[in-house]
Protein backbone atom coordinates (compact mmCIF):
# COMPACT_ATOMS: atom_id res chain seq x y z
CA MET A 1 0.00 0.00 0.00
CA ARG A 2 1.34 3.41 -0.99
CA THR A 3 0.56 5.48 2.07
CA ALA A 4 1.98 8.56 3.74
CA GLU A 5 1.43 10.76 6.76
CA ILE A 6 2.60 14.35 6.97
CA ILE A 7 2.43 16.51 10.08
CA ARG A 8 3.31 20.13 9.40
CA HIS A 9 3.17 22.86 12.03
CA THR A 10 3.95 26.53 11.47
CA ASN A 11 3.02 29.70 13.34
CA GLU A 12 0.02 29.95 10.99
CA THR A 13 -1.27 26.39 10.61
CA LYS A 14 -1.20 22.98 12.23
CA ILE A 15 -1.88 20.29 9.63
CA LYS A 16 -2.05 16.51 9.55
CA VAL A 17 -2.50 14.70 6.23
CA THR A 18 -2.81 10.94 5.81
CA ILE A 19 -3.30 9.38 2.37
CA ASN A 20 -3.53 5.98 0.71
CA LEU A 21 -3.07 6.22 -3.06
CA ASP A 22 -4.52 2.72 -3.49
CA GLY A 23 -7.74 3.44 -1.61
CA THR A 24 -11.41 3.70 -2.49
CA GLY A 25 -11.99 7.42 -2.02
CA GLN A 26 -12.89 7.41 1.65
CA GLN A 27 -12.23 10.74 3.30
CA SER A 28 -12.39 12.70 6.52
CA ILE A 29 -11.61 16.35 5.83
CA HIS A 30 -11.80 19.24 8.29
CA THR A 31 -9.80 22.25 7.14
CA GLY A 32 -11.75 25.14 8.62
CA VAL A 33 -12.43 26.29 5.04
CA PRO A 34 -15.77 24.73 3.99
CA PHE A 35 -15.40 25.23 0.24
CA LEU A 36 -11.92 23.69 0.32
CA ASP A 37 -13.35 20.68 2.19
CA HIS A 38 -15.81 20.25 -0.70
CA MET A 39 -13.01 20.48 -3.28
CA LEU A 40 -10.72 18.06 -1.42
CA ASP A 41 -13.61 15.61 -1.27
CA GLN A 42 -13.64 15.74 -5.10
CA ILE A 43 -9.93 14.83 -5.22
CA ALA A 44 -10.46 11.90 -2.84
CA ARG A 45 -13.53 10.50 -4.59
CA HIS A 46 -12.39 10.97 -8.17
CA GLY A 47 -8.78 10.09 -7.41
CA MET A 48 -9.79 6.99 -5.41
CA ILE A 49 -7.46 8.21 -2.67
CA ASP A 50 -8.25 7.56 0.97
CA MET A 51 -7.58 10.89 2.62
CA GLN A 52 -7.70 12.32 6.11
CA ILE A 53 -6.89 16.02 6.47
CA GLU A 54 -7.08 18.10 9.64
CA CYS A 55 -6.10 21.76 9.75
CA ASP A 56 -6.15 24.29 12.55
CA GLY A 57 -5.28 27.55 10.83
CA ASP A 58 -5.47 31.28 11.31
CA THR A 59 -8.72 31.65 9.36
CA HIS A 60 -9.61 34.61 11.60
CA ILE A 61 -7.12 36.49 9.39
CA ASP A 62 -8.23 34.86 6.14
CA ASP A 63 -8.13 31.45 4.46
CA HIS A 64 -4.86 31.97 2.57
CA HIS A 65 -2.41 30.28 4.94
CA SER A 66 -4.65 27.25 5.48
CA VAL A 67 -5.33 26.69 1.77
CA GLU A 68 -1.70 27.12 0.70
CA ASP A 69 -0.31 25.00 3.54
CA ILE A 70 -2.80 22.20 2.88
CA GLY A 71 -1.65 22.20 -0.76
CA ILE A 72 1.95 21.98 0.45
CA SER A 73 1.19 19.19 2.93
CA LEU A 74 -0.84 17.16 0.43
CA GLY A 75 1.97 17.55 -2.13
CA MET A 76 4.49 16.29 0.42
CA ALA A 77 2.25 13.31 1.21
CA VAL A 78 1.82 12.37 -2.45
CA ALA A 79 5.58 12.64 -3.07
CA LYS A 80 6.25 10.39 -0.09
CA ALA A 81 3.58 7.86 -1.10
CA VAL A 82 4.78 7.45 -4.71
CA GLY A 83 8.36 6.88 -3.55
CA ASP A 84 10.74 6.14 -6.42
CA LYS A 85 7.79 5.97 -8.90
CA LYS A 86 8.74 2.52 -10.18
CA GLY A 87 5.94 0.93 -12.20
CA MET A 88 3.83 4.09 -12.14
CA ASN A 89 2.11 5.51 -15.23
CA ARG A 90 3.76 8.88 -14.51
CA TYR A 91 1.42 10.87 -16.80
CA GLY A 92 -2.23 11.61 -16.19
CA HIS A 93 -4.92 13.68 -17.84
CA ALA A 94 -8.65 14.26 -17.57
CA TYR A 95 -11.42 16.40 -19.00
CA VAL A 96 -14.37 16.95 -16.66
CA PRO A 97 -17.61 18.81 -17.44
CA LEU A 98 -20.17 20.16 -15.00
CA ASP A 99 -23.15 21.66 -16.79
CA GLU A 100 -21.73 24.63 -18.77
CA ALA A 101 -18.20 24.33 -17.36
CA LEU A 102 -15.38 22.19 -18.75
CA SER A 103 -11.84 21.81 -17.43
CA ARG A 104 -8.75 19.90 -18.52
CA VAL A 105 -5.93 18.83 -16.20
CA VAL A 106 -2.68 17.23 -17.41
CA MET A 107 0.18 16.17 -15.14
CA ASP A 108 3.61 14.60 -15.22
CA PHE A 109 5.43 13.22 -12.18
CA SER A 110 8.57 14.68 -13.70
CA GLY A 111 10.49 15.49 -10.52
CA ARG A 112 10.35 19.15 -11.57
CA PRO A 113 7.80 21.60 -10.17
CA GLY A 114 5.92 23.56 -12.81
CA LEU A 115 2.42 25.01 -12.88
CA GLU A 116 0.47 26.41 -15.82
CA PHE A 117 -2.85 27.66 -14.41
CA HIS A 118 -5.41 29.17 -16.75
CA VAL A 119 -8.77 29.54 -15.02
CA PRO A 120 -10.65 32.76 -15.87
CA PHE A 121 -12.98 32.75 -12.88
CA THR A 122 -16.16 34.71 -13.56
CA ARG A 123 -16.29 36.14 -10.05
CA ALA A 124 -13.90 36.79 -7.17
CA LEU A 125 -15.71 34.88 -4.42
CA ILE A 126 -17.52 31.56 -4.18
CA GLY A 127 -19.50 32.15 -1.02
CA ARG A 128 -16.72 33.54 1.18
CA PHE A 129 -13.96 31.62 -0.63
CA ASP A 130 -11.47 33.78 -2.54
CA VAL A 131 -10.94 32.16 -5.95
CA ASP A 132 -7.29 33.35 -5.99
CA LEU A 133 -6.65 30.61 -3.43
CA VAL A 134 -7.30 27.85 -5.98
CA ARG A 135 -4.03 28.73 -7.69
CA GLU A 136 -2.26 29.00 -4.31
CA PHE A 137 -3.42 25.48 -3.40
CA PHE A 138 -2.10 23.99 -6.63
CA GLN A 139 1.15 25.98 -6.51
CA GLY A 140 1.82 24.62 -3.02
CA PHE A 141 0.99 21.09 -4.21
CA VAL A 142 3.22 21.29 -7.30
CA ASN A 143 6.19 22.71 -5.40
CA HIS A 144 6.22 19.80 -2.96
CA ALA A 145 4.92 16.89 -5.07
CA LEU A 146 7.50 17.89 -7.72
CA ILE A 147 5.13 17.54 -10.65
CA THR A 148 4.45 19.44 -13.84
CA LEU A 149 0.77 20.45 -13.82
CA HIS A 150 -1.31 22.13 -16.52
CA ILE A 151 -4.79 23.30 -15.53
CA ASP A 152 -7.12 24.85 -18.09
CA ASN A 153 -10.75 25.82 -17.60
CA LEU A 154 -11.93 25.71 -21.19
CA ARG A 155 -15.34 27.23 -20.54
CA GLY A 156 -17.65 28.13 -17.72
CA ILE A 157 -20.03 30.76 -16.43
CA ASN A 158 -20.60 29.63 -12.84
CA ALA A 159 -17.43 30.02 -10.73
CA HIS A 160 -18.41 27.12 -8.45
CA HIS A 161 -18.70 24.89 -11.51
CA GLN A 162 -15.36 26.15 -12.84
CA ALA A 163 -13.59 25.29 -9.60
CA GLU A 164 -15.33 21.94 -9.17
CA THR A 165 -14.42 20.77 -12.68
CA VAL A 166 -10.78 21.68 -11.98
CA PHE A 167 -10.63 19.67 -8.74
CA LYS A 168 -12.51 16.69 -10.19
CA ALA A 169 -10.24 16.62 -13.25
CA PHE A 170 -7.20 16.93 -10.99
CA GLY A 171 -8.36 13.93 -8.95
CA ARG A 172 -8.90 11.83 -12.07
CA ALA A 173 -5.57 12.84 -13.62
CA LEU A 174 -3.80 12.09 -10.33
CA ARG A 175 -5.42 8.65 -10.25
CA MET A 176 -4.25 7.92 -13.79
CA ALA A 177 -0.69 9.15 -13.20
CA THR A 178 -0.19 7.22 -9.95
CA THR A 179 -1.75 3.96 -11.15
CA LEU A 180 0.71 1.10 -11.31
CA ASP A 181 1.13 -0.59 -14.69
CA PRO A 182 1.89 -4.30 -14.25
CA ARG A 183 3.87 -4.29 -17.52
CA SER A 184 6.24 -1.71 -15.99
CA ALA A 185 6.66 -3.34 -12.59
CA GLY A 186 9.94 -2.30 -11.02
CA ILE A 187 10.76 0.08 -13.87
CA ILE A 188 11.15 3.84 -13.44
CA PRO A 189 9.08 5.45 -16.24
CA SER A 190 11.90 7.54 -17.70
CA THR A 191 14.69 6.98 -20.20
CA LYS A 192 16.95 8.78 -17.71
CA GLY A 193 16.35 6.02 -15.15
CA VAL A 194 15.40 8.50 -12.44
CA LEU A 195 12.57 10.95 -11.77
């Protein structure tokens, strides 16, 4: 089982993340940021990742530190769980629609952090959630999972739908990339021999 636990404490947040990449999508998520809980649930369910996330953050200031630090912690957990990446697909992609919205996510467990994020949100807030934090979450994830990640919202009018298609597509692409291919058992998926 490819599992990991990360405990990360700063002056701004106290976070515990536990994941199982070979799970069934079971989750227990309590971040103090309700919309983020909803989005993380999408990653767990569509990524088939068992996930427990607890965060005690300084949300009395705003949600920024919690959202960014959860992205960092989840990225660290995924990097730890995939290990040397032997036998893994490495690449993943998904298109996900939700009514009028459509997003595409493509990733590569390249060992190099890189984010291309193109989501033209139609409003600044979803409830009380600042949509700028979606990028901050994924930037934190990318920097610590060491992946190349391209996120494109191809169309959408409703900002909730735009965000939800991004997180669902991310979960599905993550599932594809981390799936083990029995034909590649014990082989690092790179001509360089290391990722």
